[in-house]
C-alpha atoms as a PDB file:
ATOM      1  CA  MET A   1       2.569   8.601  19.821  1.00  0.00           C
ATOM      2  CA  SER A   2      -0.711   8.934  17.890  1.00  0.00           C
ATOM      3  CA  HIS A   3      -0.081  12.694  17.689  1.00  0.00           C
ATOM      4  CA  TYR A   4       3.044  12.014  15.643  1.00  0.00           C
ATOM      5  CA  ALA A   5       1.186   9.662  13.324  1.00  0.00           C
ATOM      6  CA  ALA A   6      -1.152  12.477  12.300  1.00  0.00           C
ATOM      7  CA  ASP A   7       1.843  14.743  11.674  1.00  0.00           C
ATOM      8  CA  ILE A   8       3.504  12.088   9.523  1.00  0.00           C
ATOM      9  CA  ASN A   9       0.335  11.647   7.457  1.00  0.00           C
ATOM     10  CA  ALA A  10       0.238  15.400   6.881  1.00  0.00           C
ATOM     11  CA  ILE A  11       3.757  15.212   5.464  1.00  0.00           C
ATOM     12  CA  VAL A  12       3.554  11.975   3.477  1.00  0.00           C
ATOM     13  CA  THR A  13       0.686  12.991   1.183  1.00  0.00           C
ATOM     14  CA  PRO A  14       2.236  16.254  -0.091  1.00  0.00           C
ATOM     15  CA  LEU A  15       5.567  14.489  -0.588  1.00  0.00           C
ATOM     16  CA  CYS A  16       3.845  11.765  -2.603  1.00  0.00           C
ATOM     17  CA  VAL A  17       2.027  14.364  -4.694  1.00  0.00           C
ATOM     18  CA  ALA A  18       5.333  16.118  -5.387  1.00  0.00           C
ATOM     19  CA  LEU A  19       6.937  12.802  -6.331  1.00  0.00           C
ATOM     20  CA  ALA A  20       3.996  12.047  -8.627  1.00  0.00           C
ATOM     21  CA  TYR A  21       4.490  15.418 -10.348  1.00  0.00           C
ATOM     22  CA  VAL A  22       8.152  14.606 -10.899  1.00  0.00           C
ATOM     23  CA  ALA A  23       7.273  11.141 -12.222  1.00  0.00           C
ATOM     24  CA  ILE A  24       4.750  12.614 -14.651  1.00  0.00           C
ATOM     25  CA  GLN A  25       6.856  15.483 -15.922  1.00  0.00           C
ATOM     26  CA  MET A  26      10.324  13.896 -16.030  1.00  0.00           C
ATOM     27  CA  GLN A  27      10.422  11.982 -19.303  1.00  0.00           C
ATOM     28  CA  GLU A  28      13.986  10.842 -18.581  1.00  0.00           C
ATOM     29  CA  TRP A  29      12.699   8.776 -15.656  1.00  0.00           C
ATOM     30  CA  GLU A  30      11.641   5.793 -17.716  1.00  0.00           C
ATOM     31  CA  ASN A  31       9.724   3.748 -15.167  1.00  0.00           C
ATOM     32  CA  PRO A  32       9.157   5.552 -11.889  1.00  0.00           C
ATOM     33  CA  VAL A  33       6.364   3.201 -10.774  1.00  0.00           C
ATOM     34  CA  VAL A  34       8.650   0.166 -10.866  1.00  0.00           C
ATOM     35  CA  ASP A  35      11.528   2.118  -9.336  1.00  0.00           C
ATOM     36  CA  ILE A  36       9.390   3.322  -6.422  1.00  0.00           C
ATOM     37  CA  ILE A  37       7.898  -0.136  -5.826  1.00  0.00           C
ATOM     38  CA  GLU A  38      11.368  -1.686  -5.819  1.00  0.00           C
ATOM     39  CA  GLN A  39      12.716   1.001  -3.488  1.00  0.00           C
ATOM     40  CA  PHE A  40       9.881   1.005  -0.937  1.00  0.00           C
ATOM     41  CA  GLY A  41       8.023  -2.268  -1.478  1.00  0.00           C
ATOM     42  CA  LYS A  42      10.396  -4.493   0.450  1.00  0.00           C
ATOM     43  CA  ASP A  43      10.163  -2.640   3.754  1.00  0.00           C
ATOM     44  CA  GLU A  44       6.889  -2.989   5.655  1.00  0.00           C
ATOM     45  CA  SER A  45       7.497   0.317   7.435  1.00  0.00           C
ATOM     46  CA  LYS A  46       7.345   2.106   4.054  1.00  0.00           C
ATOM     47  CA  THR A  47       4.115   0.451   2.888  1.00  0.00           C
ATOM     48  CA  LYS A  48       1.877   3.363   3.775  1.00  0.00           C
ATOM     49  CA  ALA A  49       4.026   5.867   1.855  1.00  0.00           C
ATOM     50  CA  LEU A  50       4.211   3.573  -1.169  1.00  0.00           C
ATOM     51  CA  LEU A  51       0.444   3.064  -1.191  1.00  0.00           C
ATOM     52  CA  GLU A  52      -0.072   6.805  -0.944  1.00  0.00           C
ATOM     53  CA  PHE A  53       2.204   7.373  -3.964  1.00  0.00           C
ATOM     54  CA  LEU A  54       0.422   4.668  -5.958  1.00  0.00           C
ATOM     55  CA  LYS A  55      -2.895   6.296  -5.072  1.00  0.00           C
ATOM     56  CA  VAL A  56      -2.018   9.904  -5.891  1.00  0.00           C
ATOM     57  CA  LEU A  57      -0.177   9.201  -9.155  1.00  0.00           C
ATOM     58  CA  PRO A  58      -3.299   8.311 -11.187  1.00  0.00           C
ATOM     59  CA  GLU A  59      -5.302  10.995  -9.405  1.00  0.00           C
ATOM     60  CA  GLU A  60      -2.807  13.634 -10.544  1.00  0.00           C
ATOM     61  CA  LEU A  61      -2.911  12.318 -14.115  1.00  0.00           C
ATOM     62  CA  ILE A  62      -6.707  12.387 -14.167  1.00  0.00           C
ATOM     63  CA  ASP A  63      -6.877  15.987 -12.954  1.00  0.00           C
ATOM     64  CA  GLU A  64      -5.159  17.558 -15.953  1.00  0.00           C
ATOM     65  CA  ARG A  65      -5.672  21.091 -14.642  1.00  0.00           C
ATOM     66  CA  ARG A  66      -3.017  20.616 -11.994  1.00  0.00           C
ATOM     67  CA  ILE A  67      -0.097  19.892 -14.309  1.00  0.00           C
ATOM     68  CA  PRO A  68       0.808  22.504 -16.919  1.00  0.00           C
ATOM     69  CA  MET A  69       1.287  20.074 -19.805  1.00  0.00           C
ATOM     70  CA  GLU A  70      -0.426  19.394 -23.107  1.00  0.00           C
ATOM     71  CA  ASP A  71      -3.185  16.777 -23.131  1.00  0.00           C
ATOM     72  CA  GLU A  72      -1.268  14.573 -25.569  1.00  0.00           C
ATOM     73  CA  HIS A  73       1.762  14.504 -23.287  1.00  0.00           C
ATOM     74  CA  ILE A  74      -0.374  13.719 -20.236  1.00  0.00           C
ATOM     75  CA  ASN A  75      -2.109  10.875 -22.101  1.00  0.00           C
ATOM     76  CA  THR A  76       1.170   9.419 -23.357  1.00  0.00           C
ATOM     77  CA  ARG A  77       2.773   9.620 -19.941  1.00  0.00           C
ATOM     78  CA  GLY A  78      -0.332   8.177 -18.294  1.00  0.00           C
ATOM     79  CA  GLU A  79      -0.155   5.192 -20.620  1.00  0.00           C
ATOM     80  CA  ALA A  80       3.514   4.670 -19.784  1.00  0.00           C
ATOM     81  CA  LEU A  81       3.075   5.060 -16.039  1.00  0.00           C
ATOM     82  CA  LEU A  82      -0.239   3.382 -15.370  1.00  0.00           C
ATOM     83  CA  ARG A  83      -1.464   0.946 -17.987  1.00  0.00           C
ATOM     84  CA  ARG A  84       1.950  -0.574 -18.559  1.00  0.00           C
ATOM     85  CA  ASN A  85       2.443  -0.977 -14.814  1.00  0.00           C
ATOM     86  CA  ALA A  86      -1.053  -2.040 -13.763  1.00  0.00           C
ATOM     87  CA  ASP A  87       0.060  -5.674 -13.474  1.00  0.00           C
ATOM     88  CA  ARG A  88       3.046  -4.714 -11.331  1.00  0.00           C
ATOM     89  CA  VAL A  89       0.847  -2.624  -9.025  1.00  0.00           C
ATOM     90  CA  LEU A  90      -1.743  -5.414  -8.848  1.00  0.00           C
ATOM     91  CA  ASN A  91       0.959  -7.959  -7.956  1.00  0.00           C
ATOM     92  CA  TYR A  92       2.203  -5.709  -5.180  1.00  0.00           C
ATOM     93  CA  LEU A  93      -1.330  -5.196  -3.833  1.00  0.00           C
ATOM     94  CA  MET A  94      -2.038  -8.933  -3.987  1.00  0.00           C
ATOM     95  CA  MET A  95       1.181  -9.613  -2.084  1.00  0.00           C
ATOM     96  CA  LEU A  96      -0.003  -7.251   0.643  1.00  0.00           C
ATOM     97  CA  LEU A  97      -3.440  -8.866   0.675  1.00  0.00           C
ATOM     98  CA  GLN A  98      -1.921 -12.331   1.028  1.00  0.00           C
ATOM     99  CA  ALA A  99       0.179 -11.138   3.968  1.00  0.00           C
ATOM    100  CA  ALA A 100      -2.711 -12.151   6.230  1.00  0.00           C
ATOM    101  CA  GLY A 101      -4.864  -9.412   4.754  1.00  0.00           C
ATOM    102  CA  LYS A 102      -3.577  -7.045   7.393  1.00  0.00           C
ATOM    103  CA  PHE A 103      -2.871  -4.175   5.022  1.00  0.00           C
ATOM    104  CA  LEU A 104      -5.602  -3.980   2.435  1.00  0.00           C
ATOM    105  CA  PRO A 105      -9.283  -4.677   2.257  1.00  0.00           C
ATOM    106  CA  PHE A 106     -10.522  -6.011  -1.069  1.00  0.00           C
ATOM    107  CA  LEU A 107     -12.407  -2.796  -1.927  1.00  0.00           C
ATOM    108  CA  PHE A 108      -9.183  -0.858  -1.544  1.00  0.00           C
ATOM    109  CA  ILE A 109      -7.583  -3.064  -4.205  1.00  0.00           C
ATOM    110  CA  LEU A 110     -10.542  -2.528  -6.510  1.00  0.00           C
ATOM    111  CA  HIS A 111     -10.142   1.220  -6.100  1.00  0.00           C
ATOM    112  CA  PHE A 112      -6.503   0.984  -7.203  1.00  0.00           C
ATOM    113  CA  LEU A 113      -7.393  -1.148 -10.185  1.00  0.00           C
ATOM    114  CA  TYR A 114     -10.046   1.342 -11.215  1.00  0.00           C
ATOM    115  CA  LEU A 115      -7.564   4.227 -11.030  1.00  0.00           C
ATOM    116  CA  TYR A 116      -4.876   2.403 -12.989  1.00  0.00           C
ATOM    117  CA  LEU A 117      -7.192   1.184 -15.708  1.00  0.00           C
ATOM    118  CA  LEU A 118      -9.085   4.484 -15.977  1.00  0.00           C
ATOM    119  CA  CYS A 119      -6.114   6.441 -17.268  1.00  0.00           C
END
């Protein structure tokens, strides 16, 4: 069974990166962070995938070389995706922490906050 877990991890990260690219580049998608949290945040079995998406989204915005877009567009989209949703992400992380602390150590939450406030 642990063999399959490694295979799933190898698939989840690239899918989350691809979804982050779509979220960054698709202006028509007004609030992908909220949409993804609402879609995956209610099912404990999807927690790992949701956390991976929330982790890679700011990382992809920070590394501007990966996305072929103008700096102004990246900055504007980063503001819309991260700073405006930092409270929503924090609330989700706090909910996980309060669930007996079984999902997230405190330093992990600080890392997310840093990423969301950095952009």
